[in-house]
């Protein structure tokens, strides 16, 4: 299993957690938090993909 596959599995698991939190009373705070985490994960994922291209 490649590191990108591992990361994408973690991203999927993370999304499930966030989805649950959206349904709770903290949805406004979590929406903002979720967006910043997603942005970070996308950057990290593209970084990992670029490493695979180089190697």
PDB file of N, CA and C in Angstrom:
ATOM      1  N   UNK A   1       0.846  -1.196   0.000  1.00  0.00           N
ATOM      2  CA  UNK A   1       0.000   0.000   0.000  1.00  0.00           C
ATOM      3  C   UNK A   1       0.884   1.250   0.000  1.00  0.00           C
ATOM      4  N   UNK A   2       0.610   2.138  -0.931  1.00  0.00           N
ATOM      5  CA  UNK A   2       1.441   3.345  -1.023  1.00  0.00           C
ATOM      6  C   UNK A   2       1.043   4.363   0.044  1.00  0.00           C
ATOM      7  N   UNK A   3       1.906   5.334   0.259  1.00  0.00           N
ATOM      8  CA  UNK A   3       1.615   6.359   1.268  1.00  0.00           C
ATOM      9  C   UNK A   3       0.413   7.202   0.852  1.00  0.00           C
ATOM     10  N   UNK A   4       0.220   7.390  -0.449  1.00  0.00           N
ATOM     11  CA  UNK A   4      -0.947   8.152  -0.917  1.00  0.00           C
ATOM     12  C   UNK A   4      -2.234   7.393  -0.594  1.00  0.00           C
ATOM     13  N   UNK A   5      -2.214   6.068  -0.776  1.00  0.00           N
ATOM     14  CA  UNK A   5      -3.393   5.260  -0.454  1.00  0.00           C
ATOM     15  C   UNK A   5      -3.703   5.329   1.047  1.00  0.00           C
ATOM     16  N   UNK A   6      -2.666   5.285   1.855  1.00  0.00           N
ATOM     17  CA  UNK A   6      -2.847   5.369   3.310  1.00  0.00           C
ATOM     18  C   UNK A   6      -3.449   6.722   3.682  1.00  0.00           C
ATOM     19  N   UNK A   7      -2.903   7.783   3.099  1.00  0.00           N
ATOM     20  CA  UNK A   7      -3.423   9.127   3.369  1.00  0.00           C
ATOM     21  C   UNK A   7      -4.884   9.236   2.945  1.00  0.00           C
ATOM     22  N   UNK A   8      -5.216   8.721   1.756  1.00  0.00           N
ATOM     23  CA  UNK A   8      -6.600   8.857   1.312  1.00  0.00           C
ATOM     24  C   UNK A   8      -7.560   8.052   2.185  1.00  0.00           C
ATOM     25  N   UNK A   9      -7.102   6.930   2.735  1.00  0.00           N
ATOM     26  CA  UNK A   9      -7.942   6.192   3.690  1.00  0.00           C
ATOM     27  C   UNK A   9      -8.166   7.018   4.951  1.00  0.00           C
ATOM     28  N   UNK A  10      -7.104   7.677   5.396  1.00  0.00           N
ATOM     29  CA  UNK A  10      -7.237   8.520   6.592  1.00  0.00           C
ATOM     30  C   UNK A  10      -8.164   9.694   6.312  1.00  0.00           C
ATOM     31  N   UNK A  11      -8.087  10.243   5.107  1.00  0.00           N
ATOM     32  CA  UNK A  11      -8.962  11.355   4.720  1.00  0.00           C
ATOM     33  C   UNK A  11     -10.418  10.885   4.752  1.00  0.00           C
ATOM     34  N   UNK A  12     -10.692   9.699   4.217  1.00  0.00           N
ATOM     35  CA  UNK A  12     -12.053   9.161   4.231  1.00  0.00           C
ATOM     36  C   UNK A  12     -12.556   8.982   5.656  1.00  0.00           C
ATOM     37  N   UNK A  13     -11.723   8.429   6.517  1.00  0.00           N
ATOM     38  CA  UNK A  13     -12.106   8.227   7.921  1.00  0.00           C
ATOM     39  C   UNK A  13     -12.380   9.572   8.588  1.00  0.00           C
ATOM     40  N   UNK A  14     -11.526  10.543   8.281  1.00  0.00           N
ATOM     41  CA  UNK A  14     -11.690  11.888   8.828  1.00  0.00           C
ATOM     42  C   UNK A  14     -13.026  12.489   8.404  1.00  0.00           C
ATOM     43  N   UNK A  15     -13.373  12.308   7.114  1.00  0.00           N
ATOM     44  CA  UNK A  15     -14.640  12.858   6.612  1.00  0.00           C
ATOM     45  C   UNK A  15     -15.842  12.257   7.335  1.00  0.00           C
ATOM     46  N   UNK A  16     -15.765  10.975   7.667  1.00  0.00           N
ATOM     47  CA  UNK A  16     -16.854  10.340   8.417  1.00  0.00           C
ATOM     48  C   UNK A  16     -17.015  10.983   9.790  1.00  0.00           C
ATOM     49  N   UNK A  17     -15.892  11.243  10.437  1.00  0.00           N
ATOM     50  CA  UNK A  17     -15.925  11.886  11.759  1.00  0.00           C
ATOM     51  C   UNK A  17     -16.551  13.270  11.640  1.00  0.00           C
ATOM     52  N   UNK A  18     -16.105  14.028  10.653  1.00  0.00           N
ATOM     53  CA  UNK A  18     -16.612  15.387  10.476  1.00  0.00           C
ATOM     54  C   UNK A  18     -18.101  15.380  10.149  1.00  0.00           C
ATOM     55  N   UNK A  19     -18.518  14.428   9.329  1.00  0.00           N
ATOM     56  CA  UNK A  19     -19.936  14.306   8.979  1.00  0.00           C
ATOM     57  C   UNK A  19     -20.781  14.115  10.230  1.00  0.00           C
ATOM     58  N   UNK A  20     -20.310  13.283  11.130  1.00  0.00           N
ATOM     59  CA  UNK A  20     -21.009  13.046  12.393  1.00  0.00           C
ATOM     60  C   UNK A  20     -21.070  14.331  13.213  1.00  0.00           C
ATOM     61  N   UNK A  21     -19.946  15.054  13.236  1.00  0.00           N
ATOM     62  CA  UNK A  21     -19.902  16.299  14.005  1.00  0.00           C
ATOM     63  C   UNK A  21     -20.815  17.365  13.402  1.00  0.00           C
ATOM     64  N   UNK A  22     -20.957  17.355  12.084  1.00  0.00           N
ATOM     65  CA  UNK A  22     -21.853  18.311  11.431  1.00  0.00           C
ATOM     66  C   UNK A  22     -23.280  18.145  11.932  1.00  0.00           C
ATOM     67  N   UNK A  23     -23.634  16.927  12.272  1.00  0.00           N
ATOM     68  CA  UNK A  23     -24.990  16.639  12.729  1.00  0.00           C
ATOM     69  C   UNK A  23     -25.181  17.031  14.198  1.00  0.00           C
ATOM     70  N   UNK A  24     -24.085  17.312  14.852  1.00  0.00           N
ATOM     71  CA  UNK A  24     -24.178  17.686  16.261  1.00  0.00           C
ATOM     72  C   UNK A  24     -24.371  19.194  16.398  1.00  0.00           C
ATOM     73  N   UNK A  25     -24.399  19.660  17.623  1.00  0.00           N
ATOM     74  CA  UNK A  25     -24.647  21.087  17.860  1.00  0.00           C
ATOM     75  C   UNK A  25     -23.433  21.964  17.572  1.00  0.00           C
ATOM     76  N   UNK A  26     -22.291  21.358  17.257  1.00  0.00           N
ATOM     77  CA  UNK A  26     -21.088  22.140  16.999  1.00  0.00           C
ATOM     78  C   UNK A  26     -20.879  22.432  15.518  1.00  0.00           C
ATOM     79  N   UNK A  27     -21.912  22.241  14.715  1.00  0.00           N
ATOM     80  CA  UNK A  27     -21.713  22.252  13.269  1.00  0.00           C
ATOM     81  C   UNK A  27     -21.038  23.520  12.730  1.00  0.00           C
ATOM     82  N   UNK A  28     -21.358  24.696  13.268  1.00  0.00           N
ATOM     83  CA  UNK A  28     -20.763  25.926  12.733  1.00  0.00           C
ATOM     84  C   UNK A  28     -19.246  25.959  12.928  1.00  0.00           C
ATOM     85  N   UNK A  29     -18.796  25.657  14.140  1.00  0.00           N
ATOM     86  CA  UNK A  29     -17.362  25.636  14.406  1.00  0.00           C
ATOM     87  C   UNK A  29     -16.672  24.563  13.572  1.00  0.00           C
ATOM     88  N   UNK A  30     -17.304  23.394  13.479  1.00  0.00           N
ATOM     89  CA  UNK A  30     -16.681  22.285  12.770  1.00  0.00           C
ATOM     90  C   UNK A  30     -16.597  22.505  11.273  1.00  0.00           C
ATOM     91  N   UNK A  31     -17.561  23.244  10.710  1.00  0.00           N
ATOM     92  CA  UNK A  31     -17.511  23.528   9.280  1.00  0.00           C
ATOM     93  C   UNK A  31     -16.253  24.313   8.968  1.00  0.00           C
ATOM     94  N   UNK A  32     -15.963  25.306   9.777  1.00  0.00           N
ATOM     95  CA  UNK A  32     -14.770  26.129   9.574  1.00  0.00           C
ATOM     96  C   UNK A  32     -13.499  25.296   9.774  1.00  0.00           C
ATOM     97  N   UNK A  33     -13.473  24.499  10.796  1.00  0.00           N
ATOM     98  CA  UNK A  33     -12.330  23.648  11.096  1.00  0.00           C
ATOM     99  C   UNK A  33     -12.121  22.630   9.970  1.00  0.00           C
ATOM    100  N   UNK A  34     -13.216  22.053   9.527  1.00  0.00           N
ATOM    101  CA  UNK A  34     -13.201  21.051   8.463  1.00  0.00           C
ATOM    102  C   UNK A  34     -12.575  21.623   7.196  1.00  0.00           C
ATOM    103  N   UNK A  35     -12.955  22.838   6.833  1.00  0.00           N
ATOM    104  CA  UNK A  35     -12.426  23.450   5.610  1.00  0.00           C
ATOM    105  C   UNK A  35     -10.920  23.644   5.689  1.00  0.00           C
ATOM    106  N   UNK A  36     -10.409  24.068   6.831  1.00  0.00           N
ATOM    107  CA  UNK A  36      -8.966  24.274   6.946  1.00  0.00           C
ATOM    108  C   UNK A  36      -8.213  22.942   6.931  1.00  0.00           C
ATOM    109  N   UNK A  37      -8.764  21.923   7.566  1.00  0.00           N
ATOM    110  CA  UNK A  37      -8.139  20.597   7.552  1.00  0.00           C
ATOM    111  C   UNK A  37      -8.156  20.015   6.140  1.00  0.00           C
ATOM    112  N   UNK A  38      -9.272  20.147   5.450  1.00  0.00           N
ATOM    113  CA  UNK A  38      -9.353  19.627   4.080  1.00  0.00           C
ATOM    114  C   UNK A  38      -8.325  20.289   3.180  1.00  0.00           C
ATOM    115  N   UNK A  39      -8.153  21.570   3.348  1.00  0.00           N
ATOM    116  CA  UNK A  39      -7.177  22.301   2.558  1.00  0.00           C
ATOM    117  C   UNK A  39      -5.771  21.770   2.832  1.00  0.00           C
ATOM    118  N   UNK A  40      -5.462  21.553   4.091  1.00  0.00           N
ATOM    119  CA  UNK A  40      -4.163  21.000   4.478  1.00  0.00           C
ATOM    120  C   UNK A  40      -3.969  19.606   3.887  1.00  0.00           C
ATOM    121  N   UNK A  41      -5.000  18.766   3.984  1.00  0.00           N
ATOM    122  CA  UNK A  41      -4.902  17.396   3.474  1.00  0.00           C
ATOM    123  C   UNK A  41      -4.714  17.369   1.958  1.00  0.00           C
ATOM    124  N   UNK A  42      -5.395  18.261   1.251  1.00  0.00           N
ATOM    125  CA  UNK A  42      -5.219  18.324  -0.208  1.00  0.00           C
ATOM    126  C   UNK A  42      -3.789  18.699  -0.554  1.00  0.00           C
ATOM    127  N   UNK A  43      -3.226  19.657   0.173  1.00  0.00           N
ATOM    128  CA  UNK A  43      -1.838  20.068  -0.056  1.00  0.00           C
ATOM    129  C   UNK A  43      -0.899  18.905   0.213  1.00  0.00           C
ATOM    130  N   UNK A  44      -1.134  18.208   1.313  1.00  0.00           N
ATOM    131  CA  UNK A  44      -0.285  17.086   1.697  1.00  0.00           C
ATOM    132  C   UNK A  44      -0.388  15.955   0.680  1.00  0.00           C
ATOM    133  N   UNK A  45      -1.598  15.701   0.200  1.00  0.00           N
ATOM    134  CA  UNK A  45      -1.819  14.642  -0.777  1.00  0.00           C
ATOM    135  C   UNK A  45      -1.095  14.957  -2.088  1.00  0.00           C
ATOM    136  N   UNK A  46      -1.172  16.196  -2.540  1.00  0.00           N
ATOM    137  CA  UNK A  46      -0.482  16.539  -3.790  1.00  0.00           C
ATOM    138  C   UNK A  46       1.031  16.498  -3.606  1.00  0.00           C
ATOM    139  N   UNK A  47       1.477  16.822  -2.398  1.00  0.00           N
ATOM    140  CA  UNK A  47       2.911  16.712  -2.089  1.00  0.00           C
ATOM    141  C   UNK A  47       3.362  15.252  -2.201  1.00  0.00           C
ATOM    142  N   UNK A  48       2.580  14.345  -1.623  1.00  0.00           N
ATOM    143  CA  UNK A  48       2.916  12.917  -1.692  1.00  0.00           C
ATOM    144  C   UNK A  48       2.905  12.415  -3.133  1.00  0.00           C
ATOM    145  N   UNK A  49       1.941  12.886  -3.911  1.00  0.00           N
ATOM    146  CA  UNK A  49       1.873  12.463  -5.310  1.00  0.00           C
ATOM    147  C   UNK A  49       3.079  12.967  -6.085  1.00  0.00           C
ATOM    148  N   UNK A  50       3.525  14.175  -5.787  1.00  0.00           N
ATOM    149  CA  UNK A  50       4.703  14.701  -6.486  1.00  0.00           C
ATOM    150  C   UNK A  50       5.951  13.909  -6.127  1.00  0.00           C
ATOM    151  N   UNK A  51       6.015  13.418  -4.891  1.00  0.00           N
ATOM    152  CA  UNK A  51       7.143  12.569  -4.497  1.00  0.00           C
ATOM    153  C   UNK A  51       7.160  11.274  -5.300  1.00  0.00           C
ATOM    154  N   UNK A  52       5.972  10.731  -5.519  1.00  0.00           N
ATOM    155  CA  UNK A  52       5.887   9.486  -6.291  1.00  0.00           C
ATOM    156  C   UNK A  52       6.326   9.695  -7.736  1.00  0.00           C
ATOM    157  N   UNK A  53       6.017  10.844  -8.287  1.00  0.00           N
ATOM    158  CA  UNK A  53       6.404  11.151  -9.666  1.00  0.00           C
ATOM    159  C   UNK A  53       7.923  11.266  -9.765  1.00  0.00           C
ATOM    160  N   UNK A  54       8.521  11.903  -8.775  1.00  0.00           N
ATOM    161  CA  UNK A  54       9.981  12.100  -8.769  1.00  0.00           C
ATOM    162  C   UNK A  54      10.710  10.768  -8.640  1.00  0.00           C
ATOM    163  N   UNK A  55      10.230   9.913  -7.726  1.00  0.00           N
ATOM    164  CA  UNK A  55      10.933   8.639  -7.484  1.00  0.00           C
ATOM    165  C   UNK A  55      10.654   7.612  -8.553  1.00  0.00           C
TER     166      UNK A  55
END
